């Protein structure tokens, strides 16, 4: 059912051998420097490396992730009646044959008990391109109908195929405060593809039974294993209440998707540069 293509490796990377301490260049390379040999420097780059893409398919839906890793876009080719559910406002462009519908379902009861808050749906045939708000990567996640539930950060969800079930769940005020995560997260189950977005690039760790790993809470994207919140180091109670120095200890089996940048840290840096606090 799933037919993702292998990730394309950028030609020439990683290099088979590193530069020696005193690299030797041939005559053609030296001509790039005007005939002068510059010791200790590699030849100048003549052009940018080829773009790395990720592509695959699910049933009649074909996707390509382009412009990785900082300005990624998700390009979808939908067949007749194929359905994609996406984050509202993520659409860049689409075919006029695509049917776009929006849904907003919100109530005070669902705010505390869970429920679908909002989504946009795209029905084929045609093409549609989606992108996240922040600069970062997009990765595809396969959801199998095996009873496993994936936890996805509210800001990490970009889109999913129609057979994937997406529920908005509250972590509870206390857990959200101590974990540094949003009050709401998505519970993903069913069968199909989910596209996750990150701030920065994405790292993935697979844990074996009983294996543990610690992740800074601001770098979480998605996970399907047990975890608990703890302090990274001893500190004052005030620092714990503010969310400083808190990490998540995960226990396998399961998989963790992480982002290489922390949006809260970036926001703090921006405030410090602008004279804010």
Protein backbone atom coordinates (compact mmCIF):
# COMPACT_ATOMS: atom_id res chain seq x y z
CA UNK A 1 0.00 0.00 0.00
CA UNK A 2 2.85 2.36 0.82
CA UNK A 3 5.37 2.96 -1.92
CA UNK A 4 7.74 5.65 -0.69
CA UNK A 5 10.80 6.08 -2.84
CA UNK A 6 14.23 5.93 -1.29
CA UNK A 7 15.69 9.24 -0.23
CA UNK A 8 17.99 10.58 -2.87
CA UNK A 9 21.57 10.96 -1.68
CA UNK A 10 23.26 14.15 -2.72
CA UNK A 11 26.05 13.17 -5.14
CA UNK A 12 29.47 13.41 -3.59
CA UNK A 13 28.22 13.52 -0.01
CA UNK A 14 29.39 12.27 2.36
CA UNK A 15 32.91 12.39 0.92
CA UNK A 16 34.82 9.15 0.72
CA UNK A 17 37.84 10.79 2.32
CA UNK A 18 38.43 14.10 4.03
CA UNK A 19 40.89 16.78 3.09
CA UNK A 20 44.46 16.15 4.11
CA UNK A 21 46.29 18.75 6.11
CA UNK A 22 48.06 19.93 2.95
CA UNK A 23 45.64 19.27 0.08
CA UNK A 24 47.12 18.98 -3.39
CA UNK A 25 45.12 20.33 -6.33
CA UNK A 26 45.54 19.54 -9.96
CA UNK A 27 46.26 22.15 -12.60
CA UNK A 28 42.60 22.65 -13.54
CA UNK A 29 41.65 23.37 -9.94
CA UNK A 30 44.52 25.83 -9.54
CA UNK A 31 43.31 27.74 -12.60
CA UNK A 32 40.12 28.55 -10.71
CA UNK A 33 42.33 30.67 -8.45
CA UNK A 34 43.94 32.46 -11.37
CA UNK A 35 46.79 29.97 -11.56
CA UNK A 36 47.86 30.59 -7.96
CA UNK A 37 48.07 27.66 -5.59
CA UNK A 38 46.45 28.47 -2.23
CA UNK A 39 47.64 26.01 0.37
CA UNK A 40 45.09 24.74 2.86
CA UNK A 41 41.97 25.77 0.91
CA UNK A 42 39.64 23.61 -1.19
CA UNK A 43 38.74 24.71 -4.72
CA UNK A 44 35.89 27.24 -4.95
CA UNK A 45 32.37 25.92 -5.35
CA UNK A 46 31.27 26.49 -8.94
CA UNK A 47 27.57 25.79 -8.39
CA UNK A 48 25.14 24.81 -5.65
CA UNK A 49 24.65 21.10 -4.91
CA UNK A 50 21.56 19.45 -6.36
CA UNK A 51 18.37 19.76 -4.38
CA UNK A 52 17.41 16.87 -2.11
CA UNK A 53 13.77 15.78 -2.38
CA UNK A 54 11.58 13.11 -0.84
CA UNK A 55 8.74 11.56 -2.81
CA UNK A 56 6.34 8.67 -2.51
CA UNK A 57 2.73 7.59 -2.89
CA UNK A 58 -0.24 6.24 -0.97
CA UNK A 59 -3.05 4.69 -2.97
CA UNK A 60 -3.69 7.25 -5.76
CA UNK A 61 -2.02 10.13 -3.93
CA UNK A 62 1.50 11.08 -4.98
CA UNK A 63 3.62 13.51 -3.00
CA UNK A 64 6.95 15.30 -3.34
CA UNK A 65 8.70 17.30 -0.63
CA UNK A 66 10.86 19.99 -2.20
CA UNK A 67 13.23 22.78 -1.11
CA UNK A 68 14.51 20.94 1.92
CA UNK A 69 15.60 21.53 4.70
CA UNK A 70 14.65 25.12 5.52
CA UNK A 71 11.98 26.16 3.01
CA UNK A 72 10.24 22.84 2.44
CA UNK A 73 7.01 22.52 0.49
CA UNK A 74 4.64 19.56 0.17
CA UNK A 75 3.38 19.04 -3.38
CA UNK A 76 0.46 16.62 -3.78
CA UNK A 77 -1.12 15.03 -6.84
CA UNK A 78 -4.65 13.83 -6.01
CA UNK A 79 -6.84 11.48 -8.00
CA UNK A 80 -10.62 11.78 -8.23
CA UNK A 81 -12.19 11.94 -4.74
CA UNK A 82 -8.82 11.62 -3.00
CA UNK A 83 -8.93 13.54 0.28
CA UNK A 84 -6.20 15.42 2.15
CA UNK A 85 -6.80 17.04 5.54
CA UNK A 86 -4.46 19.93 6.30
CA UNK A 87 -3.68 22.72 8.70
CA UNK A 88 -5.75 25.81 7.83
CA UNK A 89 -3.79 28.44 5.94
CA UNK A 90 -1.13 26.00 4.69
CA UNK A 91 -2.16 26.12 1.01
CA UNK A 92 0.24 27.88 -1.40
CA UNK A 93 -1.50 27.09 -4.69
CA UNK A 94 -3.81 24.47 -6.17
CA UNK A 95 -5.57 23.36 -9.33
CA UNK A 96 -9.01 24.90 -9.97
CA UNK A 97 -10.40 21.36 -10.00
CA UNK A 98 -9.50 20.89 -6.31
CA UNK A 99 -12.45 21.22 -3.93
CA UNK A 100 -11.45 23.14 -0.80
CA UNK A 101 -13.55 23.01 2.34
CA UNK A 102 -12.91 24.39 5.81
CA UNK A 103 -14.21 23.25 9.15
CA UNK A 104 -14.09 24.86 12.56
CA UNK A 105 -15.44 22.79 15.42
CA UNK A 106 -14.94 24.36 18.79
CA UNK A 107 -16.76 24.38 22.11
CA UNK A 108 -15.85 24.89 25.75
CA UNK A 109 -16.60 21.21 26.38
CA UNK A 110 -14.24 20.07 23.62
CA UNK A 111 -11.63 22.49 24.91
CA UNK A 112 -11.21 20.25 27.95
CA UNK A 113 -12.34 16.84 26.70
CA UNK A 114 -10.80 16.83 23.25
CA UNK A 115 -12.23 17.33 19.81
CA UNK A 116 -11.31 18.54 16.38
CA UNK A 117 -10.64 22.27 16.54
CA UNK A 118 -10.16 23.17 12.87
CA UNK A 119 -8.99 21.76 9.56
CA UNK A 120 -9.01 22.33 5.82
CA UNK A 121 -9.80 19.53 3.38
CA UNK A 122 -8.73 19.21 -0.25
CA UNK A 123 -10.52 16.78 -2.58
CA UNK A 124 -9.12 15.78 -5.97
CA UNK A 125 -8.57 15.54 -8.82
CA UNK A 126 -5.73 18.00 -9.17
CA UNK A 127 -2.59 19.28 -7.52
CA UNK A 128 -2.11 21.23 -4.32
CA UNK A 129 1.01 22.65 -2.65
CA UNK A 130 1.23 23.15 1.11
CA UNK A 131 3.82 24.77 3.38
CA UNK A 132 4.19 25.42 7.11
CA UNK A 133 4.39 28.84 8.71
CA UNK A 134 7.93 28.51 10.03
CA UNK A 135 11.16 27.83 8.20
CA UNK A 136 12.01 24.16 8.54
CA UNK A 137 11.61 20.70 7.11
CA UNK A 138 8.69 18.43 6.22
CA UNK A 139 8.79 14.67 6.76
CA UNK A 140 6.28 11.91 6.02
CA UNK A 141 5.12 9.51 8.73
CA UNK A 142 3.41 6.22 7.97
CA UNK A 143 0.50 5.37 10.25
CA UNK A 144 -0.40 1.68 10.32
CA UNK A 145 -3.70 0.28 11.55
CA UNK A 146 -1.98 -1.55 14.42
CA UNK A 147 -3.56 0.16 17.40
CA UNK A 148 -0.57 2.42 18.06
CA UNK A 149 -1.29 6.06 18.75
CA UNK A 150 1.07 8.85 17.70
CA UNK A 151 1.32 12.05 19.72
CA UNK A 152 1.96 15.06 17.50
CA UNK A 153 2.62 18.60 18.64
CA UNK A 154 -0.15 20.94 17.56
CA UNK A 155 2.26 23.11 15.58
CA UNK A 156 3.98 20.07 14.03
CA UNK A 157 0.95 18.85 12.07
CA UNK A 158 0.79 19.89 8.42
CA UNK A 159 -1.44 17.38 6.61
CA UNK A 160 -2.64 13.77 6.46
CA UNK A 161 -4.51 11.43 4.16
CA UNK A 162 -8.24 11.01 4.62
CA UNK A 163 -8.20 7.68 6.50
CA UNK A 164 -6.00 8.98 9.31
CA UNK A 165 -7.96 9.85 12.44
CA UNK A 166 -6.90 13.07 14.14
CA UNK A 167 -8.15 14.02 17.57
CA UNK A 168 -7.25 17.05 19.63
CA UNK A 169 -6.54 16.11 23.22
CA UNK A 170 -5.75 18.18 26.26
CA UNK A 171 -2.66 17.24 28.26
CA UNK A 172 -4.12 18.92 31.32
CA UNK A 173 -2.99 22.25 32.67
CA UNK A 174 -0.35 20.85 35.03
CA UNK A 175 1.31 18.58 32.47
CA UNK A 176 1.32 21.28 29.82
CA UNK A 177 2.89 23.76 32.22
CA UNK A 178 5.62 21.40 33.35
CA UNK A 179 6.37 19.84 29.96
CA UNK A 180 6.63 23.12 28.08
CA UNK A 181 4.35 21.66 25.40
CA UNK A 182 1.08 23.19 24.26
CA UNK A 183 -2.07 22.46 26.22
CA UNK A 184 -3.38 20.61 23.16
CA UNK A 185 -1.69 17.86 21.17
CA UNK A 186 -2.96 15.69 18.34
CA UNK A 187 -3.60 11.98 18.74
CA UNK A 188 -3.07 10.33 15.34
CA UNK A 189 -4.29 6.82 14.55
CA UNK A 190 -5.82 4.77 11.75
CA UNK A 191 -3.97 4.14 8.49
CA UNK A 192 -2.31 6.41 5.96
CA UNK A 193 0.31 9.14 5.75
CA UNK A 194 0.92 12.11 8.02
CA UNK A 195 3.21 14.99 7.08
CA UNK A 196 5.00 16.62 9.98
CA UNK A 197 6.70 20.00 9.97
CA UNK A 198 9.53 21.22 12.15
CA UNK A 199 11.40 24.35 13.12
CA UNK A 200 14.79 23.43 11.71
CA UNK A 201 15.65 19.96 10.48
CA UNK A 202 14.23 16.67 11.81
CA UNK A 203 16.10 14.00 13.75
CA UNK A 204 14.60 10.56 14.43
CA UNK A 205 15.48 8.11 17.20
CA UNK A 206 14.16 4.54 17.41
CA UNK A 207 14.09 3.04 20.91
CA UNK A 208 14.19 -0.67 21.68
CA UNK A 209 12.20 -2.31 24.49
CA UNK A 210 13.20 -0.70 27.78
CA UNK A 211 15.70 1.67 26.15
CA UNK A 212 15.57 5.25 27.43
CA UNK A 213 16.43 8.60 25.91
CA UNK A 214 16.13 12.19 27.14
CA UNK A 215 14.86 15.01 24.91
CA UNK A 216 14.53 18.71 25.64
CA UNK A 217 10.80 19.41 25.63
CA UNK A 218 11.14 22.34 23.21
CA UNK A 219 12.49 20.04 20.49
CA UNK A 220 9.65 17.49 20.39
CA UNK A 221 7.72 16.95 17.16
CA UNK A 222 6.03 13.52 17.45
CA UNK A 223 6.39 10.34 19.51
CA UNK A 224 4.66 7.01 20.14
CA UNK A 225 6.37 5.83 23.33
CA UNK A 226 5.91 6.43 27.06
CA UNK A 227 7.55 9.44 28.66
CA UNK A 228 7.74 11.39 31.89
CA UNK A 229 8.81 14.93 32.72
CA UNK A 230 11.86 15.62 34.88
CA UNK A 231 14.40 18.33 35.58
CA UNK A 232 17.58 18.30 33.53
CA UNK A 233 19.57 19.41 36.57
CA UNK A 234 19.01 20.56 40.11
CA UNK A 235 17.64 24.05 40.38
CA UNK A 236 15.21 26.32 42.14
CA UNK A 237 11.47 25.80 42.27
CA UNK A 238 10.93 29.06 40.36
CA UNK A 239 12.95 27.74 37.40
CA UNK A 240 10.86 24.56 37.35
CA UNK A 241 7.61 26.51 37.31
CA UNK A 242 8.81 28.60 34.38
CA UNK A 243 9.70 25.50 32.37
CA UNK A 244 13.46 26.03 32.43
CA UNK A 245 15.65 22.95 32.49
CA UNK A 246 12.84 20.45 31.90
CA UNK A 247 13.28 17.39 29.73
CA UNK A 248 11.25 14.37 28.67
CA UNK A 249 12.56 10.90 29.51
CA UNK A 250 11.24 8.45 26.91
CA UNK A 251 11.10 4.69 27.37
CA UNK A 252 10.93 2.31 24.41
CA UNK A 253 9.76 0.64 22.40
CA UNK A 254 8.88 3.52 20.13
CA UNK A 255 10.08 6.34 17.92
CA UNK A 256 10.75 10.02 18.61
CA UNK A 257 10.77 12.80 16.01
CA UNK A 258 12.67 15.93 17.09
CA UNK A 259 13.37 19.35 15.61
CA UNK A 260 16.87 20.79 15.67
CA UNK A 261 15.75 24.28 16.66
CA UNK A 262 13.68 25.52 19.61
CA UNK A 263 11.10 28.18 18.81
CA UNK A 264 10.85 29.39 22.41
CA UNK A 265 14.62 29.89 22.53
CA UNK A 266 14.50 31.85 19.28
CA UNK A 267 11.66 34.01 20.58
CA UNK A 268 13.69 34.73 23.72
CA UNK A 269 16.70 35.69 21.61
CA UNK A 270 14.58 38.08 19.51
CA UNK A 271 13.25 39.74 22.66
CA UNK A 272 16.77 40.12 24.04
CA UNK A 273 17.97 41.76 20.83
CA UNK A 274 15.04 44.17 20.78
CA UNK A 275 15.48 45.19 24.39
CA UNK A 276 12.50 43.17 25.61
CA UNK A 277 12.44 40.72 28.49
